[in-house]
Amino acid sequence: HSTSPGTAADGAGGDKSHGGGGRGGHHGGGRPRKHAMDGQPLPNPCGRLGYRQAFTQRVLPALRAAAPDLILLSAGFDAGKRDVGNSRLFSDDRYCQGLDLEAHDFSWLTEQLLSVANMVCDGRLVSVLEGGYGHYETEAGELAISPASLADNCAAHVRALVGRSLTSSSLQKMNSR
């Protein structure tokens, strides 16, 4: 089938029966589907503020335009500061810094998504833990992965889900680890 720019089939329209924004996929003639994030990678490294800016300028408007009946959130925490999934060491020894999101960034992201959910789908948002690993630390001379930073990021997300944003004292406690 053919579509025109701004239709639900390409992720920019509002027909809720098509599921909105999609994940790339294909439609008609085998061409890649276009949506708010296609063709515009984040600058690398973009860091926390760049991520927030891209989320505010690109993801939230696309989500509002899609106007889903329900938002399903695959809550991943790999982008967390110090998380082992947050950076990459290439085979030629080049290091690529990650996004370095902190607990209050995950809280902010959750609050933004809840705000859109309240606007477009009567607050219906389901969050499923996708991943994150934790950070490297040395225990008894052995390199191990500690889940403490992952736990802090997950806790910030869940607190925001239930309407209890992080306080400055809880942030200080998390940052002291």
Protein backbone atom coordinates (compact mmCIF):
# COMPACT_ATOMS: atom_id res chain seq x y z
CA HIS A 1 0.00 0.00 0.00
CA SER A 2 1.16 3.56 -0.41
CA THR A 3 1.25 6.19 2.25
CA SER A 4 1.81 9.90 2.32
CA PRO A 5 3.94 11.84 4.79
CA GLY A 6 2.29 12.21 8.17
CA THR A 7 0.10 9.12 8.03
CA ALA A 8 -0.25 6.52 10.73
CA ALA A 9 1.49 3.89 8.61
CA ASP A 10 4.72 5.84 8.74
CA GLY A 11 4.45 6.54 12.43
CA ALA A 12 3.64 10.25 12.28
CA GLY A 13 -0.16 10.16 12.20
CA GLY A 14 -2.79 9.68 14.83
CA ASP A 15 -4.67 6.53 13.76
CA LYS A 16 -4.37 4.53 16.95
CA SER A 17 -5.18 1.25 15.18
CA HIS A 18 -1.75 1.23 13.57
CA GLY A 19 0.11 1.48 16.87
CA GLY A 20 1.83 4.81 16.19
CA GLY A 21 5.57 5.35 16.07
CA GLY A 22 6.85 1.85 15.33
CA ARG A 23 10.46 0.68 15.38
CA GLY A 24 11.65 1.21 11.84
CA GLY A 25 10.07 -1.69 9.96
CA HIS A 26 8.92 -1.47 6.35
CA HIS A 27 5.77 -0.51 4.52
CA GLY A 28 4.76 -0.53 0.86
CA GLY A 29 7.52 -1.14 -1.76
CA GLY A 30 10.09 -2.32 0.81
CA ARG A 31 11.24 1.19 1.74
CA PRO A 32 12.29 1.87 5.33
CA ARG A 33 9.51 3.43 7.38
CA LYS A 34 10.13 7.02 8.45
CA HIS A 35 9.42 8.31 11.92
CA ALA A 36 10.78 10.94 14.29
CA MET A 37 14.11 9.24 15.01
CA ASP A 38 15.01 7.87 11.54
CA GLY A 39 18.07 9.33 9.88
CA GLN A 40 19.02 11.59 12.77
CA PRO A 41 21.44 9.85 15.12
CA LEU A 42 22.36 11.46 18.39
CA PRO A 43 25.75 13.16 18.37
CA ASN A 44 28.35 10.88 19.89
CA PRO A 45 29.08 11.47 22.64
CA CYS A 46 25.94 13.45 23.37
CA GLY A 47 25.87 13.05 27.15
CA ARG A 48 23.00 13.64 29.55
CA LEU A 49 21.95 17.09 28.40
CA GLY A 50 22.08 16.15 24.73
CA TYR A 51 19.95 13.11 25.48
CA ARG A 52 17.37 15.20 27.35
CA GLN A 53 17.31 17.70 24.50
CA ALA A 54 16.78 14.99 21.87
CA PHE A 55 14.10 13.35 24.02
CA THR A 56 12.29 16.67 24.46
CA GLN A 57 12.57 17.77 20.83
CA ARG A 58 12.10 14.47 19.02
CA VAL A 59 10.66 11.65 21.10
CA LEU A 60 7.98 13.47 23.09
CA PRO A 61 6.47 15.32 20.11
CA ALA A 62 6.36 12.09 18.07
CA LEU A 63 4.71 10.27 20.97
CA ARG A 64 2.11 13.02 21.40
CA ALA A 65 1.41 12.99 17.65
CA ALA A 66 0.99 9.20 17.63
CA ALA A 67 -1.55 9.54 20.48
CA PRO A 68 -1.46 5.85 21.48
CA ASP A 69 -4.18 4.21 23.56
CA LEU A 70 -1.47 2.80 25.84
CA ILE A 71 2.25 3.47 26.25
CA LEU A 72 4.37 0.36 26.71
CA LEU A 73 7.75 1.30 28.10
CA SER A 74 10.68 -1.06 27.87
CA ALA A 75 12.67 0.50 30.69
CA GLY A 76 16.35 -0.07 30.00
CA PHE A 77 19.08 1.35 32.18
CA ASP A 78 22.19 0.62 30.11
CA ALA A 79 22.61 4.37 29.54
CA GLY A 80 23.20 4.90 33.25
CA LYS A 81 26.44 6.48 34.39
CA ARG A 82 29.07 3.81 35.06
CA ASP A 83 26.81 1.02 33.72
CA VAL A 84 28.89 -1.52 31.82
CA GLY A 85 26.47 -1.24 28.88
CA ASN A 86 26.91 2.54 28.68
CA SER A 87 30.20 2.80 26.80
CA ARG A 88 32.03 0.90 24.15
CA LEU A 89 35.63 -0.05 23.56
CA PHE A 90 36.15 -0.77 19.88
CA SER A 91 38.53 -3.43 18.57
CA ASP A 92 41.02 -0.72 17.56
CA ASP A 93 41.15 0.52 21.19
CA ARG A 94 38.94 3.56 20.54
CA TYR A 95 36.75 4.36 23.53
CA CYS A 96 33.27 5.81 23.01
CA GLN A 97 31.73 7.44 26.07
CA GLY A 98 28.11 6.66 26.77
CA LEU A 99 25.19 8.86 27.76
CA ASP A 100 25.99 8.83 31.50
CA LEU A 101 22.39 9.27 32.65
CA GLU A 102 21.97 9.59 36.40
CA ALA A 103 19.11 8.55 38.67
CA HIS A 104 17.44 11.96 38.41
CA ASP A 105 17.58 11.71 34.59
CA PHE A 106 15.65 8.43 34.69
CA SER A 107 13.16 10.05 37.07
CA TRP A 108 12.80 13.02 34.69
CA LEU A 109 12.34 10.74 31.65
CA THR A 110 9.64 8.80 33.47
CA GLU A 111 7.86 12.00 34.51
CA GLN A 112 7.91 13.23 30.90
CA LEU A 113 6.42 9.98 29.62
CA LEU A 114 3.76 10.03 32.33
CA SER A 115 2.88 13.58 31.34
CA VAL A 116 2.32 12.49 27.73
CA ALA A 117 0.38 9.42 28.91
CA ASN A 118 -1.89 11.70 30.95
CA MET A 119 -2.44 13.87 27.87
CA VAL A 120 -3.12 11.22 25.25
CA CYS A 121 -4.23 7.96 26.87
CA ASP A 122 -5.73 8.66 30.28
CA GLY A 123 -2.41 7.94 32.02
CA ARG A 124 -2.12 4.37 30.75
CA LEU A 125 1.58 3.52 30.84
CA VAL A 126 3.06 0.09 31.49
CA SER A 127 6.74 -0.18 32.35
CA VAL A 128 8.70 -3.41 31.98
CA LEU A 129 12.28 -3.72 33.17
CA GLU A 130 14.44 -4.38 30.14
CA GLY A 131 17.95 -4.24 31.41
CA GLY A 132 21.02 -2.60 32.71
CA TYR A 133 23.89 -4.34 34.35
CA GLY A 134 25.50 -2.26 37.03
CA HIS A 135 29.05 -1.01 37.26
CA TYR A 136 32.44 -2.63 37.59
CA GLU A 137 34.08 -2.65 40.99
CA THR A 138 36.80 -4.67 42.60
CA GLU A 139 35.81 -7.04 45.40
CA ALA A 140 38.54 -8.97 47.23
CA GLY A 141 40.91 -8.36 44.32
CA GLU A 142 38.39 -9.65 41.76
CA LEU A 143 36.67 -7.51 39.14
CA ALA A 144 32.90 -7.89 39.54
CA ILE A 145 29.73 -6.13 38.45
CA SER A 146 27.91 -4.35 41.26
CA PRO A 147 24.16 -3.84 40.77
CA ALA A 148 24.07 -0.76 43.05
CA SER A 149 23.91 1.85 40.27
CA LEU A 150 21.30 -0.20 38.39
CA ALA A 151 19.23 -0.42 41.59
CA ASP A 152 19.44 3.37 42.08
CA ASN A 153 18.30 4.04 38.50
CA CYS A 154 15.45 1.54 38.74
CA ALA A 155 14.37 3.00 42.09
CA ALA A 156 14.29 6.52 40.61
CA HIS A 157 12.14 5.26 37.73
CA VAL A 158 9.70 3.43 40.02
CA ARG A 159 9.47 6.40 42.41
CA ALA A 160 8.50 8.61 39.47
CA LEU A 161 5.93 6.04 38.32
CA VAL A 162 4.16 6.24 41.67
CA GLY A 163 4.42 10.03 41.86
CA ARG A 164 7.28 10.26 44.36
CA SER A 165 10.04 12.15 42.59
CA LEU A 166 13.55 12.05 43.94
CA THR A 167 14.38 14.48 46.71
CA SER A 168 17.77 16.13 47.10
CA SER A 169 18.50 13.95 50.16
CA SER A 170 17.75 10.72 48.27
CA LEU A 171 19.96 11.94 45.39
CA GLN A 172 22.82 12.66 47.81
CA LYS A 173 22.46 9.19 49.28
CA MET A 174 22.59 7.58 45.82
CA ASN A 175 25.54 9.70 44.69
CA SER A 176 27.54 8.85 47.81
CA ARG A 177 27.85 5.19 46.76
